Amino acid sequence: MRRRRGRRSSSVLCPSHIHEWEECVDLAIARGELPPGTDGEEVIRAVSAPIYYRLLVTREVIDAAVAERAALRTLAAARAGAFVGPNT
């Protein structure tokens, strides 16, 4: 496998960033776009995981397509209820 050097981010997704973005999930729940009880923290972790994996592990280039795929896949899982419940 050929590795490419990925972009370095000057910030890390720390707990305060997760809570800032969690509000977007709460708003989606309020609009009926996601099921009630969806765990916003887990949604944010899920959408960022493939990006950070490429950034830190494989050092692949992160582009808009990578981000869009992560967002669309996480959205599909969230709509299906994958992040609802006590063990999400």
PDB file of N, CA and C in Angstrom:
ATOM      1  N   MET A   1       0.841  -1.177   0.000  1.00  0.00           N
ATOM      2  CA  MET A   1       0.000   0.000   0.000  1.00  0.00           C
ATOM      3  C   MET A   1       0.890   1.245   0.000  1.00  0.00           C
ATOM      4  N   ARG A   2       0.585   2.146  -0.850  1.00  0.00           N
ATOM      5  CA  ARG A   2       1.333   3.388  -0.943  1.00  0.00           C
ATOM      6  C   ARG A   2       0.749   4.402   0.028  1.00  0.00           C
ATOM      7  N   ARG A   3       1.586   5.001   0.815  1.00  0.00           N
ATOM      8  CA  ARG A   3       1.115   5.993   1.784  1.00  0.00           C
ATOM      9  C   ARG A   3       1.453   7.389   1.305  1.00  0.00           C
ATOM     10  N   ARG A   4       0.497   8.267   1.480  1.00  0.00           N
ATOM     11  CA  ARG A   4       0.722   9.674   1.162  1.00  0.00           C
ATOM     12  C   ARG A   4       0.695  10.455   2.460  1.00  0.00           C
ATOM     13  N   ARG A   5       1.451  11.481   2.502  1.00  0.00           N
ATOM     14  CA  ARG A   5       1.493  12.310   3.695  1.00  0.00           C
ATOM     15  C   ARG A   5       0.220  13.142   3.760  1.00  0.00           C
ATOM     16  N   GLY A   6      -0.520  13.006   4.849  1.00  0.00           N
ATOM     17  CA  GLY A   6      -1.764  13.734   5.025  1.00  0.00           C
ATOM     18  C   GLY A   6      -1.531  15.116   5.605  1.00  0.00           C
ATOM     19  N   ARG A   7      -2.575  15.890   5.572  1.00  0.00           N
ATOM     20  CA  ARG A   7      -2.512  17.221   6.165  1.00  0.00           C
ATOM     21  C   ARG A   7      -2.486  17.110   7.673  1.00  0.00           C
ATOM     22  N   ARG A   8      -1.771  17.988   8.299  1.00  0.00           N
ATOM     23  CA  ARG A   8      -1.722  18.048   9.756  1.00  0.00           C
ATOM     24  C   ARG A   8      -2.717  19.092  10.226  1.00  0.00           C
ATOM     25  N   SER A   9      -3.432  18.764  11.256  1.00  0.00           N
ATOM     26  CA  SER A   9      -4.387  19.698  11.823  1.00  0.00           C
ATOM     27  C   SER A   9      -3.747  20.376  13.016  1.00  0.00           C
ATOM     28  N   SER A  10      -3.971  21.671  13.173  1.00  0.00           N
ATOM     29  CA  SER A  10      -3.416  22.394  14.309  1.00  0.00           C
ATOM     30  C   SER A  10      -4.281  22.239  15.543  1.00  0.00           C
ATOM     31  N   SER A  11      -5.466  21.663  15.380  1.00  0.00           N
ATOM     32  CA  SER A  11      -6.322  21.442  16.538  1.00  0.00           C
ATOM     33  C   SER A  11      -6.740  19.987  16.591  1.00  0.00           C
ATOM     34  N   VAL A  12      -7.038  19.543  17.789  1.00  0.00           N
ATOM     35  CA  VAL A  12      -7.464  18.172  18.004  1.00  0.00           C
ATOM     36  C   VAL A  12      -8.905  18.212  18.468  1.00  0.00           C
ATOM     37  N   LEU A  13      -9.658  17.178  18.113  1.00  0.00           N
ATOM     38  CA  LEU A  13     -11.051  17.110  18.533  1.00  0.00           C
ATOM     39  C   LEU A  13     -11.089  16.706  19.998  1.00  0.00           C
ATOM     40  N   CYS A  14     -11.085  17.700  20.865  1.00  0.00           N
ATOM     41  CA  CYS A  14     -11.101  17.445  22.298  1.00  0.00           C
ATOM     42  C   CYS A  14     -12.540  17.507  22.809  1.00  0.00           C
ATOM     43  N   PRO A  15     -12.755  17.127  24.085  1.00  0.00           N
ATOM     44  CA  PRO A  15     -14.131  17.100  24.607  1.00  0.00           C
ATOM     45  C   PRO A  15     -14.911  18.393  24.406  1.00  0.00           C
ATOM     46  N   SER A  16     -14.272  19.552  24.518  1.00  0.00           N
ATOM     47  CA  SER A  16     -15.018  20.804  24.326  1.00  0.00           C
ATOM     48  C   SER A  16     -15.492  20.949  22.879  1.00  0.00           C
ATOM     49  N   HIS A  17     -14.696  20.470  21.920  1.00  0.00           N
ATOM     50  CA  HIS A  17     -15.122  20.518  20.517  1.00  0.00           C
ATOM     51  C   HIS A  17     -16.295  19.570  20.280  1.00  0.00           C
ATOM     52  N   ILE A  18     -16.242  18.415  20.901  1.00  0.00           N
ATOM     53  CA  ILE A  18     -17.343  17.465  20.750  1.00  0.00           C
ATOM     54  C   ILE A  18     -18.634  18.094  21.247  1.00  0.00           C
ATOM     55  N   HIS A  19     -18.588  18.752  22.399  1.00  0.00           N
ATOM     56  CA  HIS A  19     -19.794  19.370  22.950  1.00  0.00           C
ATOM     57  C   HIS A  19     -20.294  20.522  22.080  1.00  0.00           C
ATOM     58  N   GLU A  20     -19.376  21.262  21.463  1.00  0.00           N
ATOM     59  CA  GLU A  20     -19.791  22.344  20.566  1.00  0.00           C
ATOM     60  C   GLU A  20     -20.575  21.793  19.378  1.00  0.00           C
ATOM     61  N   TRP A  21     -20.095  20.715  18.779  1.00  0.00           N
ATOM     62  CA  TRP A  21     -20.758  20.133  17.615  1.00  0.00           C
ATOM     63  C   TRP A  21     -21.980  19.316  17.983  1.00  0.00           C
ATOM     64  N   GLU A  22     -22.032  18.867  19.239  1.00  0.00           N
ATOM     65  CA  GLU A  22     -23.167  18.068  19.705  1.00  0.00           C
ATOM     66  C   GLU A  22     -24.482  18.834  19.559  1.00  0.00           C
ATOM     67  N   GLU A  23     -24.417  20.146  19.636  1.00  0.00           N
ATOM     68  CA  GLU A  23     -25.618  20.973  19.472  1.00  0.00           C
ATOM     69  C   GLU A  23     -26.263  20.771  18.102  1.00  0.00           C
ATOM     70  N   CYS A  24     -25.459  20.535  17.081  1.00  0.00           N
ATOM     71  CA  CYS A  24     -25.999  20.271  15.739  1.00  0.00           C
ATOM     72  C   CYS A  24     -26.861  19.017  15.751  1.00  0.00           C
ATOM     73  N   VAL A  25     -26.434  18.015  16.486  1.00  0.00           N
ATOM     74  CA  VAL A  25     -27.202  16.777  16.599  1.00  0.00           C
ATOM     75  C   VAL A  25     -28.500  17.041  17.346  1.00  0.00           C
ATOM     76  N   ASP A  26     -28.413  17.809  18.428  1.00  0.00           N
ATOM     77  CA  ASP A  26     -29.618  18.145  19.195  1.00  0.00           C
ATOM     78  C   ASP A  26     -30.637  18.887  18.329  1.00  0.00           C
ATOM     79  N   LEU A  27     -30.170  19.791  17.492  1.00  0.00           N
ATOM     80  CA  LEU A  27     -31.066  20.526  16.596  1.00  0.00           C
ATOM     81  C   LEU A  27     -31.702  19.585  15.568  1.00  0.00           C
ATOM     82  N   ALA A  28     -30.930  18.629  15.075  1.00  0.00           N
ATOM     83  CA  ALA A  28     -31.473  17.649  14.117  1.00  0.00           C
ATOM     84  C   ALA A  28     -32.544  16.783  14.778  1.00  0.00           C
ATOM     85  N   ILE A  29     -32.339  16.440  16.042  1.00  0.00           N
ATOM     86  CA  ILE A  29     -33.352  15.688  16.782  1.00  0.00           C
ATOM     87  C   ILE A  29     -34.617  16.527  16.915  1.00  0.00           C
ATOM     88  N   ALA A  30     -34.461  17.796  17.272  1.00  0.00           N
ATOM     89  CA  ALA A  30     -35.601  18.701  17.442  1.00  0.00           C
ATOM     90  C   ALA A  30     -36.392  18.878  16.145  1.00  0.00           C
ATOM     91  N   ARG A  31     -35.686  18.841  14.996  1.00  0.00           N
ATOM     92  CA  ARG A  31     -36.360  18.976  13.697  1.00  0.00           C
ATOM     93  C   ARG A  31     -36.952  17.657  13.205  1.00  0.00           C
ATOM     94  N   GLY A  32     -36.734  16.589  13.935  1.00  0.00           N
ATOM     95  CA  GLY A  32     -37.250  15.287  13.533  1.00  0.00           C
ATOM     96  C   GLY A  32     -36.385  14.571  12.511  1.00  0.00           C
ATOM     97  N   GLU A  33     -35.178  15.040  12.297  1.00  0.00           N
ATOM     98  CA  GLU A  33     -34.273  14.432  11.319  1.00  0.00           C
ATOM     99  C   GLU A  33     -33.522  13.228  11.883  1.00  0.00           C
ATOM    100  N   LEU A  34     -33.414  13.153  13.211  1.00  0.00           N
ATOM    101  CA  LEU A  34     -32.771  12.028  13.885  1.00  0.00           C
ATOM    102  C   LEU A  34     -33.691  11.541  14.986  1.00  0.00           C
ATOM    103  N   PRO A  35     -33.598  10.265  15.350  1.00  0.00           N
ATOM    104  CA  PRO A  35     -34.489   9.729  16.381  1.00  0.00           C
ATOM    105  C   PRO A  35     -34.217  10.355  17.752  1.00  0.00           C
ATOM    106  N   PRO A  36     -35.268  10.511  18.551  1.00  0.00           N
ATOM    107  CA  PRO A  36     -35.065  10.977  19.930  1.00  0.00           C
ATOM    108  C   PRO A  36     -34.122  10.027  20.665  1.00  0.00           C
ATOM    109  N   GLY A  37     -33.297  10.581  21.518  1.00  0.00           N
ATOM    110  CA  GLY A  37     -32.351   9.767  22.277  1.00  0.00           C
ATOM    111  C   GLY A  37     -31.028   9.545  21.582  1.00  0.00           C
ATOM    112  N   THR A  38     -30.856  10.120  20.395  1.00  0.00           N
ATOM    113  CA  THR A  38     -29.582   9.987  19.692  1.00  0.00           C
ATOM    114  C   THR A  38     -28.488  10.644  20.521  1.00  0.00           C
ATOM    115  N   ASP A  39     -27.406   9.924  20.732  1.00  0.00           N
ATOM    116  CA  ASP A  39     -26.276  10.414  21.521  1.00  0.00           C
ATOM    117  C   ASP A  39     -25.379  11.273  20.634  1.00  0.00           C
ATOM    118  N   GLY A  40     -25.446  12.581  20.839  1.00  0.00           N
ATOM    119  CA  GLY A  40     -24.695  13.513  20.013  1.00  0.00           C
ATOM    120  C   GLY A  40     -23.193  13.316  20.079  1.00  0.00           C
ATOM    121  N   GLU A  41     -22.679  13.011  21.257  1.00  0.00           N
ATOM    122  CA  GLU A  41     -21.238  12.791  21.385  1.00  0.00           C
ATOM    123  C   GLU A  41     -20.792  11.624  20.511  1.00  0.00           C
ATOM    124  N   GLU A  42     -21.555  10.552  20.523  1.00  0.00           N
ATOM    125  CA  GLU A  42     -21.190   9.382  19.721  1.00  0.00           C
ATOM    126  C   GLU A  42     -21.289   9.666  18.220  1.00  0.00           C
ATOM    127  N   VAL A  43     -22.264  10.468  17.826  1.00  0.00           N
ATOM    128  CA  VAL A  43     -22.380  10.847  16.417  1.00  0.00           C
ATOM    129  C   VAL A  43     -21.138  11.624  15.985  1.00  0.00           C
ATOM    130  N   ILE A  44     -20.712  12.581  16.789  1.00  0.00           N
ATOM    131  CA  ILE A  44     -19.538  13.391  16.448  1.00  0.00           C
ATOM    132  C   ILE A  44     -18.284  12.520  16.420  1.00  0.00           C
ATOM    133  N   ARG A  45     -18.163  11.601  17.358  1.00  0.00           N
ATOM    134  CA  ARG A  45     -17.009  10.690  17.340  1.00  0.00           C
ATOM    135  C   ARG A  45     -17.025   9.832  16.069  1.00  0.00           C
ATOM    136  N   ALA A  46     -18.202   9.364  15.685  1.00  0.00           N
ATOM    137  CA  ALA A  46     -18.307   8.497  14.512  1.00  0.00           C
ATOM    138  C   ALA A  46     -17.968   9.235  13.216  1.00  0.00           C
ATOM    139  N   VAL A  47     -18.399  10.472  13.099  1.00  0.00           N
ATOM    140  CA  VAL A  47     -18.120  11.214  11.863  1.00  0.00           C
ATOM    141  C   VAL A  47     -16.643  11.597  11.777  1.00  0.00           C
ATOM    142  N   SER A  48     -16.007  11.806  12.911  1.00  0.00           N
ATOM    143  CA  SER A  48     -14.603  12.226  12.880  1.00  0.00           C
ATOM    144  C   SER A  48     -13.628  11.055  12.845  1.00  0.00           C
ATOM    145  N   ALA A  49     -14.058   9.868  13.254  1.00  0.00           N
ATOM    146  CA  ALA A  49     -13.143   8.724  13.334  1.00  0.00           C
ATOM    147  C   ALA A  49     -12.439   8.393  12.015  1.00  0.00           C
ATOM    148  N   PRO A  50     -13.157   8.290  10.892  1.00  0.00           N
ATOM    149  CA  PRO A  50     -12.442   7.946   9.655  1.00  0.00           C
ATOM    150  C   PRO A  50     -11.459   9.032   9.209  1.00  0.00           C
ATOM    151  N   ILE A  51     -11.771  10.263   9.544  1.00  0.00           N
ATOM    152  CA  ILE A  51     -10.880  11.364   9.169  1.00  0.00           C
ATOM    153  C   ILE A  51      -9.602  11.311  10.004  1.00  0.00           C
ATOM    154  N   TYR A  52      -9.762  11.142  11.311  1.00  0.00           N
ATOM    155  CA  TYR A  52      -8.589  11.059  12.177  1.00  0.00           C
ATOM    156  C   TYR A  52      -7.779   9.796  11.911  1.00  0.00           C
ATOM    157  N   TYR A  53      -8.433   8.713  11.540  1.00  0.00           N
ATOM    158  CA  TYR A  53      -7.705   7.490  11.187  1.00  0.00           C
ATOM    159  C   TYR A  53      -6.772   7.771  10.012  1.00  0.00           C
ATOM    160  N   ARG A  54      -7.301   8.422   8.991  1.00  0.00           N
ATOM    161  CA  ARG A  54      -6.460   8.747   7.830  1.00  0.00           C
ATOM    162  C   ARG A  54      -5.364   9.745   8.202  1.00  0.00           C
ATOM    163  N   LEU A  55      -5.685  10.685   9.042  1.00  0.00           N
ATOM    164  CA  LEU A  55      -4.724  11.707   9.438  1.00  0.00           C
ATOM    165  C   LEU A  55      -3.584  11.128  10.269  1.00  0.00           C
ATOM    166  N   LEU A  56      -3.932  10.296  11.244  1.00  0.00           N
ATOM    167  CA  LEU A  56      -2.942   9.849  12.214  1.00  0.00           C
ATOM    168  C   LEU A  56      -2.347   8.467  11.952  1.00  0.00           C
ATOM    169  N   VAL A  57      -3.102   7.570  11.320  1.00  0.00           N
ATOM    170  CA  VAL A  57      -2.637   6.195  11.158  1.00  0.00           C
ATOM    171  C   VAL A  57      -2.097   5.950   9.753  1.00  0.00           C
ATOM    172  N   THR A  58      -2.933   6.144   8.755  1.00  0.00           N
ATOM    173  CA  THR A  58      -2.501   5.821   7.392  1.00  0.00           C
ATOM    174  C   THR A  58      -1.832   6.985   6.677  1.00  0.00           C
ATOM    175  N   ARG A  59      -2.004   8.186   7.231  1.00  0.00           N
ATOM    176  CA  ARG A  59      -1.417   9.405   6.638  1.00  0.00           C
ATOM    177  C   ARG A  59      -1.874   9.638   5.198  1.00  0.00           C
ATOM    178  N   GLU A  60      -3.098   9.215   4.916  1.00  0.00           N
ATOM    179  CA  GLU A  60      -3.674   9.456   3.596  1.00  0.00           C
ATOM    180  C   GLU A  60      -4.116  10.917   3.489  1.00  0.00           C
ATOM    181  N   VAL A  61      -4.240  11.367   2.265  1.00  0.00           N
ATOM    182  CA  VAL A  61      -4.723  12.715   2.024  1.00  0.00           C
ATOM    183  C   VAL A  61      -6.199  12.785   2.409  1.00  0.00           C
ATOM    184  N   ILE A  62      -6.549  13.830   3.114  1.00  0.00           N
ATOM    185  CA  ILE A  62      -7.937  14.058   3.503  1.00  0.00           C
ATOM    186  C   ILE A  62      -8.480  15.164   2.617  1.00  0.00           C
ATOM    187  N   ASP A  63      -9.506  14.814   1.849  1.00  0.00           N
ATOM    188  CA  ASP A  63     -10.099  15.810   0.963  1.00  0.00           C
ATOM    189  C   ASP A  63     -11.603  15.881   1.222  1.00  0.00           C
ATOM    190  N   ALA A  64     -12.278  16.687   0.443  1.00  0.00           N
ATOM    191  CA  ALA A  64     -13.718  16.886   0.628  1.00  0.00           C
ATOM    192  C   ALA A  64     -14.490  15.579   0.450  1.00  0.00           C
ATOM    193  N   ALA A  65     -14.047  14.712  -0.426  1.00  0.00           N
ATOM    194  CA  ALA A  65     -14.742  13.441  -0.658  1.00  0.00           C
ATOM    195  C   ALA A  65     -14.677  12.549   0.581  1.00  0.00           C
ATOM    196  N   VAL A  66     -13.535  12.514   1.239  1.00  0.00           N
ATOM    197  CA  VAL A  66     -13.394  11.729   2.464  1.00  0.00           C
ATOM    198  C   VAL A  66     -14.346  12.261   3.536  1.00  0.00           C
ATOM    199  N   ALA A  67     -14.369  13.570   3.702  1.00  0.00           N
ATOM    200  CA  ALA A  67     -15.245  14.181   4.700  1.00  0.00           C
ATOM    201  C   ALA A  67     -16.719  13.946   4.373  1.00  0.00           C
ATOM    202  N   GLU A  68     -17.069  14.060   3.105  1.00  0.00           N
ATOM    203  CA  GLU A  68     -18.466  13.850   2.713  1.00  0.00           C
ATOM    204  C   GLU A  68     -18.901  12.403   2.943  1.00  0.00           C
ATOM    205  N   ARG A  69     -18.045  11.447   2.608  1.00  0.00           N
ATOM    206  CA  ARG A  69     -18.386  10.034   2.851  1.00  0.00           C
ATOM    207  C   ARG A  69     -18.565   9.768   4.341  1.00  0.00           C
ATOM    208  N   ALA A  70     -17.699  10.323   5.166  1.00  0.00           N
ATOM    209  CA  ALA A  70     -17.815  10.137   6.616  1.00  0.00           C
ATOM    210  C   ALA A  70     -19.133  10.719   7.113  1.00  0.00           C
ATOM    211  N   ALA A  71     -19.485  11.896   6.621  1.00  0.00           N
ATOM    212  CA  ALA A  71     -20.725  12.541   7.044  1.00  0.00           C
ATOM    213  C   ALA A  71     -21.952  11.763   6.580  1.00  0.00           C
ATOM    214  N   LEU A  72     -21.967  11.333   5.333  1.00  0.00           N
ATOM    215  CA  LEU A  72     -23.124  10.609   4.808  1.00  0.00           C
ATOM    216  C   LEU A  72     -23.311   9.251   5.489  1.00  0.00           C
ATOM    217  N   ARG A  73     -22.220   8.555   5.748  1.00  0.00           N
ATOM    218  CA  ARG A  73     -22.319   7.254   6.416  1.00  0.00           C
ATOM    219  C   ARG A  73     -22.776   7.405   7.858  1.00  0.00           C
ATOM    220  N   THR A  74     -22.259   8.408   8.534  1.00  0.00           N
ATOM    221  CA  THR A  74     -22.676   8.641   9.919  1.00  0.00           C
ATOM    222  C   THR A  74     -24.124   9.085   9.975  1.00  0.00           C
ATOM    223  N   LEU A  75     -24.544   9.915   9.043  1.00  0.00           N
ATOM    224  CA  LEU A  75     -25.939  10.345   8.987  1.00  0.00           C
ATOM    225  C   LEU A  75     -26.864   9.156   8.777  1.00  0.00           C
ATOM    226  N   ALA A  76     -26.503   8.263   7.870  1.00  0.00           N
ATOM    227  CA  ALA A  76     -27.330   7.076   7.626  1.00  0.00           C
ATOM    228  C   ALA A  76     -27.435   6.220   8.886  1.00  0.00           C
ATOM    229  N   ALA A  77     -26.330   6.035   9.579  1.00  0.00           N
ATOM    230  CA  ALA A  77     -26.341   5.247  10.813  1.00  0.00           C
ATOM    231  C   ALA A  77     -27.165   5.935  11.888  1.00  0.00           C
ATOM    232  N   ALA A  78     -27.027   7.243  12.013  1.00  0.00           N
ATOM    233  CA  ALA A  78     -27.789   7.987  13.021  1.00  0.00           C
ATOM    234  C   ALA A  78     -29.284   7.933  12.731  1.00  0.00           C
ATOM    235  N   ARG A  79     -29.665   8.095  11.471  1.00  0.00           N
ATOM    236  CA  ARG A  79     -31.086   8.018  11.105  1.00  0.00           C
ATOM    237  C   ARG A  79     -31.661   6.637  11.376  1.00  0.00           C
ATOM    238  N   ALA A  80     -30.828   5.610  11.267  1.00  0.00           N
ATOM    239  CA  ALA A  80     -31.270   4.240  11.515  1.00  0.00           C
ATOM    240  C   ALA A  80     -31.316   3.896  13.006  1.00  0.00           C
ATOM    241  N   GLY A  81     -30.884   4.834  13.849  1.00  0.00           N
ATOM    242  CA  GLY A  81     -30.941   4.619  15.287  1.00  0.00           C
ATOM    243  C   GLY A  81     -29.706   3.991  15.891  1.00  0.00           C
ATOM    244  N   ALA A  82     -28.606   3.974  15.164  1.00  0.00           N
ATOM    245  CA  ALA A  82     -27.390   3.341  15.644  1.00  0.00           C
ATOM    246  C   ALA A  82     -26.798   4.012  16.881  1.00  0.00           C
ATOM    247  N   PHE A  83     -27.162   5.262  17.126  1.00  0.00           N
ATOM    248  CA  PHE A  83     -26.597   6.002  18.251  1.00  0.00           C
ATOM    249  C   PHE A  83     -27.634   6.285  19.340  1.00  0.00           C
ATOM    250  N   VAL A  84     -28.685   5.478  19.380  1.00  0.00           N
ATOM    251  CA  VAL A  84     -29.742   5.634  20.389  1.00  0.00           C
ATOM    252  C   VAL A  84     -29.566   4.535  21.425  1.00  0.00           C
ATOM    253  N   GLY A  85     -29.727   4.899  22.679  1.00  0.00           N
ATOM    254  CA  GLY A  85     -29.707   3.899  23.737  1.00  0.00           C
ATOM    255  C   GLY A  85     -28.530   4.034  24.655  1.00  0.00           C
ATOM    256  N   PRO A  86     -28.557   3.296  25.744  1.00  0.00           N
ATOM    257  CA  PRO A  86     -27.528   3.433  26.765  1.00  0.00           C
ATOM    258  C   PRO A  86     -26.172   2.866  26.379  1.00  0.00           C
ATOM    259  N   ASN A  87     -26.109   1.986  25.420  1.00  0.00           N
ATOM    260  CA  ASN A  87     -24.846   1.350  25.038  1.00  0.00           C
ATOM    261  C   ASN A  87     -24.379   1.749  23.664  1.00  0.00           C
ATOM    262  N   THR A  88     -24.566   3.011  23.266  1.00  0.00           N
ATOM    263  CA  THR A  88     -24.201   3.435  21.922  1.00  0.00           C
ATOM    264  C   THR A  88     -22.753   3.627  21.741  1.00  0.00           C
TER     265      THR A  88
END
